[in-house]
N, C-alpha and C. Protein backbone atom coordinates (compact mmCIF):
# COMPACT_ATOMS: atom_id res chain seq x y z
N MET A 1 0.83 -1.18 0.00
CA MET A 1 0.00 0.00 0.00
C MET A 1 0.88 1.25 0.00
N THR A 2 0.53 2.21 -0.79
CA THR A 2 1.30 3.43 -0.91
C THR A 2 1.05 4.33 0.28
N GLN A 3 2.14 4.84 0.84
CA GLN A 3 2.05 5.76 1.96
C GLN A 3 2.09 7.19 1.43
N ARG A 4 1.17 8.04 1.90
CA ARG A 4 1.16 9.45 1.52
C ARG A 4 1.47 10.27 2.76
N VAL A 5 2.42 11.16 2.64
CA VAL A 5 2.81 12.04 3.74
C VAL A 5 2.62 13.47 3.25
N LEU A 6 1.89 14.27 4.03
CA LEU A 6 1.55 15.62 3.61
C LEU A 6 2.16 16.66 4.53
N CYS A 7 2.57 17.77 3.97
CA CYS A 7 2.98 18.99 4.68
C CYS A 7 3.99 18.77 5.79
N GLN A 8 5.16 18.30 5.42
CA GLN A 8 6.26 18.12 6.37
C GLN A 8 7.29 19.23 6.16
N HIS A 9 7.68 19.87 7.27
CA HIS A 9 8.75 20.86 7.19
C HIS A 9 10.05 20.13 6.90
N ALA A 10 10.83 20.65 5.97
CA ALA A 10 12.05 19.96 5.55
C ALA A 10 13.12 20.94 5.14
N ARG A 11 14.34 20.42 5.09
CA ARG A 11 15.49 21.15 4.57
C ARG A 11 16.16 20.25 3.53
N VAL A 12 16.61 20.83 2.45
CA VAL A 12 17.31 20.08 1.41
C VAL A 12 18.75 19.89 1.86
N LEU A 13 19.17 18.63 1.96
CA LEU A 13 20.56 18.33 2.29
C LEU A 13 21.41 18.20 1.04
N HIS A 14 20.87 17.53 0.02
CA HIS A 14 21.65 17.27 -1.18
C HIS A 14 20.70 16.98 -2.34
N ALA A 15 21.03 17.47 -3.52
CA ALA A 15 20.24 17.19 -4.72
C ALA A 15 21.19 16.85 -5.85
N ARG A 16 20.85 15.82 -6.61
CA ARG A 16 21.69 15.40 -7.74
C ARG A 16 20.79 14.96 -8.90
N SER A 17 21.35 14.99 -10.08
CA SER A 17 20.60 14.63 -11.28
C SER A 17 20.17 13.17 -11.22
N PHE A 18 18.97 12.92 -11.76
CA PHE A 18 18.44 11.56 -11.83
C PHE A 18 17.73 11.44 -13.17
N ARG A 19 18.25 10.59 -14.02
CA ARG A 19 17.75 10.43 -15.38
C ARG A 19 17.84 11.75 -16.14
N GLU A 20 16.97 11.99 -17.10
CA GLU A 20 17.11 13.17 -17.94
C GLU A 20 16.53 14.44 -17.35
N THR A 21 15.39 14.35 -16.68
CA THR A 21 14.72 15.58 -16.23
C THR A 21 14.44 15.63 -14.74
N SER A 22 14.85 14.63 -14.00
CA SER A 22 14.49 14.57 -12.58
C SER A 22 15.69 14.83 -11.68
N LEU A 23 15.37 15.02 -10.40
CA LEU A 23 16.39 15.17 -9.36
C LEU A 23 16.15 14.12 -8.29
N LEU A 24 17.23 13.66 -7.70
CA LEU A 24 17.19 12.79 -6.53
C LEU A 24 17.59 13.67 -5.36
N VAL A 25 16.66 13.90 -4.42
CA VAL A 25 16.87 14.89 -3.36
C VAL A 25 16.83 14.22 -2.00
N ASP A 26 17.83 14.53 -1.17
CA ASP A 26 17.83 14.10 0.23
C ASP A 26 17.30 15.24 1.07
N PHE A 27 16.19 14.98 1.79
CA PHE A 27 15.59 15.96 2.68
C PHE A 27 15.84 15.56 4.13
N PHE A 28 15.86 16.53 5.02
CA PHE A 28 15.90 16.28 6.46
C PHE A 28 14.60 16.84 7.02
N THR A 29 13.74 15.95 7.56
CA THR A 29 12.45 16.36 8.10
C THR A 29 12.41 16.14 9.60
N GLN A 30 11.53 16.85 10.25
CA GLN A 30 11.43 16.74 11.71
C GLN A 30 10.82 15.42 12.15
N GLU A 31 9.77 14.98 11.49
CA GLU A 31 9.05 13.79 11.93
C GLU A 31 9.52 12.49 11.29
N HIS A 32 10.16 12.57 10.13
CA HIS A 32 10.55 11.36 9.40
C HIS A 32 12.06 11.24 9.20
N GLY A 33 12.84 12.17 9.71
CA GLY A 33 14.29 12.10 9.56
C GLY A 33 14.71 12.35 8.12
N ARG A 34 15.73 11.63 7.67
CA ARG A 34 16.23 11.81 6.30
C ARG A 34 15.35 11.02 5.34
N VAL A 35 14.89 11.70 4.31
CA VAL A 35 14.02 11.11 3.30
C VAL A 35 14.65 11.36 1.94
N CYS A 36 14.75 10.33 1.13
CA CYS A 36 15.26 10.46 -0.23
C CYS A 36 14.07 10.41 -1.19
N ALA A 37 13.94 11.43 -2.04
CA ALA A 37 12.78 11.53 -2.91
C ALA A 37 13.20 11.85 -4.34
N VAL A 38 12.41 11.36 -5.28
CA VAL A 38 12.58 11.69 -6.69
C VAL A 38 11.66 12.86 -7.00
N ALA A 39 12.23 13.95 -7.49
CA ALA A 39 11.45 15.11 -7.93
C ALA A 39 11.36 15.02 -9.45
N ARG A 40 10.28 14.44 -9.93
CA ARG A 40 10.13 14.19 -11.37
C ARG A 40 9.96 15.51 -12.13
N GLY A 41 10.74 15.65 -13.18
CA GLY A 41 10.65 16.84 -14.02
C GLY A 41 11.23 18.10 -13.41
N ALA A 42 11.97 17.98 -12.32
CA ALA A 42 12.48 19.16 -11.60
C ALA A 42 13.53 19.93 -12.40
N ARG A 43 14.13 19.31 -13.40
CA ARG A 43 15.17 19.99 -14.17
C ARG A 43 14.63 20.61 -15.46
N THR A 44 13.33 20.56 -15.67
CA THR A 44 12.75 21.17 -16.86
C THR A 44 12.50 22.66 -16.61
N GLN A 45 12.34 23.41 -17.69
CA GLN A 45 12.15 24.86 -17.58
C GLN A 45 10.86 25.24 -16.86
N ARG A 46 9.80 24.45 -17.03
CA ARG A 46 8.51 24.80 -16.45
C ARG A 46 8.18 24.06 -15.16
N SER A 47 9.17 23.52 -14.50
CA SER A 47 8.93 22.73 -13.30
C SER A 47 8.50 23.61 -12.13
N LYS A 48 7.55 23.11 -11.34
CA LYS A 48 7.14 23.84 -10.14
C LYS A 48 8.20 23.76 -9.05
N PHE A 49 9.15 22.84 -9.19
CA PHE A 49 10.23 22.69 -8.21
C PHE A 49 11.48 23.49 -8.57
N ARG A 50 11.52 24.05 -9.77
CA ARG A 50 12.73 24.73 -10.26
C ARG A 50 13.14 25.87 -9.32
N GLY A 51 14.38 25.84 -8.87
CA GLY A 51 14.91 26.88 -7.99
C GLY A 51 14.54 26.72 -6.54
N LEU A 52 13.68 25.77 -6.22
CA LEU A 52 13.22 25.59 -4.85
C LEU A 52 13.99 24.52 -4.10
N LEU A 53 14.47 23.53 -4.80
CA LEU A 53 15.13 22.39 -4.16
C LEU A 53 16.64 22.64 -4.07
N GLN A 54 16.98 23.66 -3.32
CA GLN A 54 18.37 24.06 -3.10
C GLN A 54 18.66 24.02 -1.60
N PRO A 55 19.91 23.78 -1.22
CA PRO A 55 20.25 23.81 0.21
C PRO A 55 19.94 25.17 0.83
N PHE A 56 19.60 25.14 2.10
CA PHE A 56 19.36 26.32 2.93
C PHE A 56 18.06 27.06 2.60
N ILE A 57 17.15 26.40 1.88
CA ILE A 57 15.82 26.96 1.65
C ILE A 57 14.83 26.09 2.42
N PRO A 58 14.18 26.63 3.46
CA PRO A 58 13.18 25.83 4.19
C PRO A 58 11.95 25.59 3.31
N VAL A 59 11.51 24.35 3.24
CA VAL A 59 10.37 23.98 2.40
C VAL A 59 9.39 23.11 3.19
N THR A 60 8.16 23.11 2.72
CA THR A 60 7.15 22.18 3.19
C THR A 60 6.91 21.21 2.03
N ILE A 61 7.07 19.91 2.30
CA ILE A 61 6.98 18.92 1.23
C ILE A 61 5.90 17.89 1.50
N SER A 62 5.42 17.29 0.43
CA SER A 62 4.51 16.15 0.49
C SER A 62 5.06 15.10 -0.46
N TRP A 63 4.89 13.82 -0.08
CA TRP A 63 5.40 12.74 -0.92
C TRP A 63 4.53 11.51 -0.79
N SER A 64 4.75 10.58 -1.71
CA SER A 64 4.07 9.29 -1.65
C SER A 64 5.05 8.22 -2.11
N GLY A 65 4.82 7.00 -1.64
CA GLY A 65 5.67 5.89 -2.02
C GLY A 65 5.65 4.79 -0.99
N ARG A 66 6.23 3.64 -1.37
CA ARG A 66 6.22 2.48 -0.49
C ARG A 66 7.60 2.06 -0.03
N SER A 67 8.63 2.62 -0.59
CA SER A 67 9.97 2.13 -0.28
C SER A 67 10.81 3.26 0.30
N ASP A 68 12.11 3.03 0.34
CA ASP A 68 13.03 4.06 0.82
C ASP A 68 13.12 5.23 -0.15
N LEU A 69 12.81 5.01 -1.40
CA LEU A 69 12.84 6.06 -2.41
C LEU A 69 11.40 6.45 -2.74
N VAL A 70 10.99 7.64 -2.33
CA VAL A 70 9.61 8.09 -2.51
C VAL A 70 9.55 9.11 -3.65
N THR A 71 8.35 9.46 -4.05
CA THR A 71 8.14 10.44 -5.11
C THR A 71 7.62 11.74 -4.51
N LEU A 72 8.31 12.82 -4.77
CA LEU A 72 7.92 14.13 -4.28
C LEU A 72 6.69 14.59 -5.05
N SER A 73 5.62 14.96 -4.33
CA SER A 73 4.42 15.41 -5.02
C SER A 73 4.21 16.91 -4.91
N ASP A 74 4.76 17.54 -3.86
CA ASP A 74 4.59 18.98 -3.71
C ASP A 74 5.71 19.55 -2.85
N ALA A 75 6.08 20.77 -3.12
CA ALA A 75 7.08 21.48 -2.32
C ALA A 75 6.77 22.97 -2.40
N GLU A 76 6.76 23.61 -1.24
CA GLU A 76 6.50 25.05 -1.17
C GLU A 76 7.48 25.67 -0.19
N PRO A 77 7.93 26.89 -0.46
CA PRO A 77 8.82 27.55 0.51
C PRO A 77 8.04 27.87 1.78
N CYS A 78 8.70 27.76 2.93
CA CYS A 78 8.01 28.03 4.19
C CYS A 78 8.80 28.96 5.10
N GLY A 79 9.68 29.73 4.53
CA GLY A 79 10.46 30.68 5.31
C GLY A 79 11.49 31.36 4.44
N MET A 80 12.25 32.22 5.05
CA MET A 80 13.30 32.93 4.33
C MET A 80 14.50 32.03 4.11
N PRO A 81 15.04 32.00 2.90
CA PRO A 81 16.25 31.21 2.66
C PRO A 81 17.44 31.82 3.39
N LEU A 82 18.33 30.96 3.84
CA LEU A 82 19.55 31.42 4.48
C LEU A 82 20.57 31.76 3.40
N SER A 83 21.27 32.85 3.58
CA SER A 83 22.25 33.29 2.60
C SER A 83 23.64 33.22 3.21
N PHE A 84 24.49 32.36 2.66
CA PHE A 84 25.86 32.20 3.13
C PHE A 84 26.82 32.50 1.99
N SER A 85 28.03 32.86 2.35
CA SER A 85 29.08 33.03 1.35
C SER A 85 30.42 32.65 1.96
N GLY A 86 31.36 32.34 1.10
CA GLY A 86 32.71 32.03 1.55
C GLY A 86 32.80 30.82 2.45
N THR A 87 33.51 30.96 3.55
CA THR A 87 33.76 29.86 4.48
C THR A 87 32.46 29.34 5.10
N ALA A 88 31.52 30.24 5.39
CA ALA A 88 30.24 29.83 5.98
C ALA A 88 29.47 28.92 5.02
N LEU A 89 29.50 29.23 3.73
CA LEU A 89 28.83 28.39 2.73
C LEU A 89 29.47 27.01 2.66
N LEU A 90 30.78 26.96 2.61
CA LEU A 90 31.48 25.68 2.55
C LEU A 90 31.22 24.85 3.81
N SER A 91 31.19 25.50 4.97
CA SER A 91 30.91 24.80 6.22
C SER A 91 29.49 24.25 6.23
N GLY A 92 28.53 25.04 5.76
CA GLY A 92 27.14 24.59 5.70
C GLY A 92 26.96 23.40 4.77
N LEU A 93 27.59 23.45 3.61
CA LEU A 93 27.51 22.33 2.68
C LEU A 93 28.18 21.08 3.25
N TYR A 94 29.27 21.27 3.98
CA TYR A 94 29.96 20.15 4.62
C TYR A 94 29.07 19.50 5.68
N ILE A 95 28.39 20.32 6.47
CA ILE A 95 27.46 19.78 7.48
C ILE A 95 26.34 19.01 6.81
N ASN A 96 25.82 19.53 5.70
CA ASN A 96 24.78 18.81 4.96
C ASN A 96 25.27 17.44 4.51
N GLU A 97 26.48 17.37 3.98
CA GLU A 97 27.03 16.09 3.53
C GLU A 97 27.23 15.13 4.70
N LEU A 98 27.66 15.64 5.84
CA LEU A 98 27.79 14.79 7.02
C LEU A 98 26.43 14.21 7.43
N LEU A 99 25.39 15.04 7.40
CA LEU A 99 24.05 14.56 7.76
C LEU A 99 23.57 13.49 6.79
N VAL A 100 23.84 13.66 5.50
CA VAL A 100 23.45 12.66 4.50
C VAL A 100 24.12 11.33 4.80
N ARG A 101 25.38 11.37 5.17
CA ARG A 101 26.14 10.14 5.39
C ARG A 101 25.92 9.51 6.76
N LEU A 102 25.60 10.32 7.78
CA LEU A 102 25.51 9.79 9.14
C LEU A 102 24.09 9.45 9.60
N LEU A 103 23.08 10.08 9.03
CA LEU A 103 21.70 9.81 9.45
C LEU A 103 21.11 8.67 8.63
N ALA A 104 20.50 7.73 9.33
CA ALA A 104 19.80 6.64 8.64
C ALA A 104 18.48 7.18 8.09
N ARG A 105 18.02 6.58 7.01
CA ARG A 105 16.74 7.01 6.44
C ARG A 105 15.60 6.70 7.40
N HIS A 106 14.65 7.61 7.46
CA HIS A 106 13.42 7.48 8.25
C HIS A 106 13.70 7.30 9.74
N ASP A 107 14.78 7.88 10.23
CA ASP A 107 15.11 7.87 11.66
C ASP A 107 15.02 9.31 12.16
N PRO A 108 13.89 9.69 12.80
CA PRO A 108 13.69 11.09 13.17
C PRO A 108 14.63 11.56 14.28
N HIS A 109 15.07 12.79 14.15
CA HIS A 109 15.89 13.46 15.16
C HIS A 109 15.33 14.87 15.35
N PRO A 110 14.21 15.01 16.08
CA PRO A 110 13.55 16.32 16.17
C PRO A 110 14.42 17.40 16.82
N GLU A 111 15.26 17.04 17.78
CA GLU A 111 16.11 18.04 18.41
C GLU A 111 17.17 18.55 17.43
N LEU A 112 17.75 17.65 16.67
CA LEU A 112 18.74 18.05 15.67
C LEU A 112 18.09 18.92 14.60
N PHE A 113 16.87 18.58 14.19
CA PHE A 113 16.16 19.38 13.21
C PHE A 113 15.91 20.78 13.74
N MET A 114 15.59 20.89 15.02
CA MET A 114 15.32 22.19 15.63
C MET A 114 16.57 23.09 15.56
N TYR A 115 17.75 22.50 15.76
CA TYR A 115 18.97 23.29 15.73
C TYR A 115 19.47 23.56 14.32
N TYR A 116 19.01 22.76 13.37
CA TYR A 116 19.44 22.96 11.98
C TYR A 116 18.85 24.25 11.46
C-alpha cells in the first residue's frame, strides 16, 4: 500500500541529477528524519520545483511511495532562505554532507532538526 505524507517541514541536504529531467533529493524532516525523494521533471524549464530544491531553503513537502525512495508530489517555501558566502557556505555544505552520510533514512531526530 502506498504511503502518503503531507505537509512536512524539511530542509534540502543534497540534490543530484536523476535520469534526464528529474532530481534525486535528500531531505531532512522533523518527523521522518532523512528522506530520499525523486522530484520528477524538476530539471525542466517549467517545473514547479525549479529553484526551490536548493540547500538552505526551508520547504514544506509532500510525498508518496512504499519504499526508501519516494516520489515528491509537492514542495513550497516556508520561510526565508539562508544566505551564506565564503567559508560559511562551505561549512554549511559540509554539514549537509555529514548529515546525509551519518543519518539513517526514516530515523527522526527532532532536536537536531530544531537546531538545523
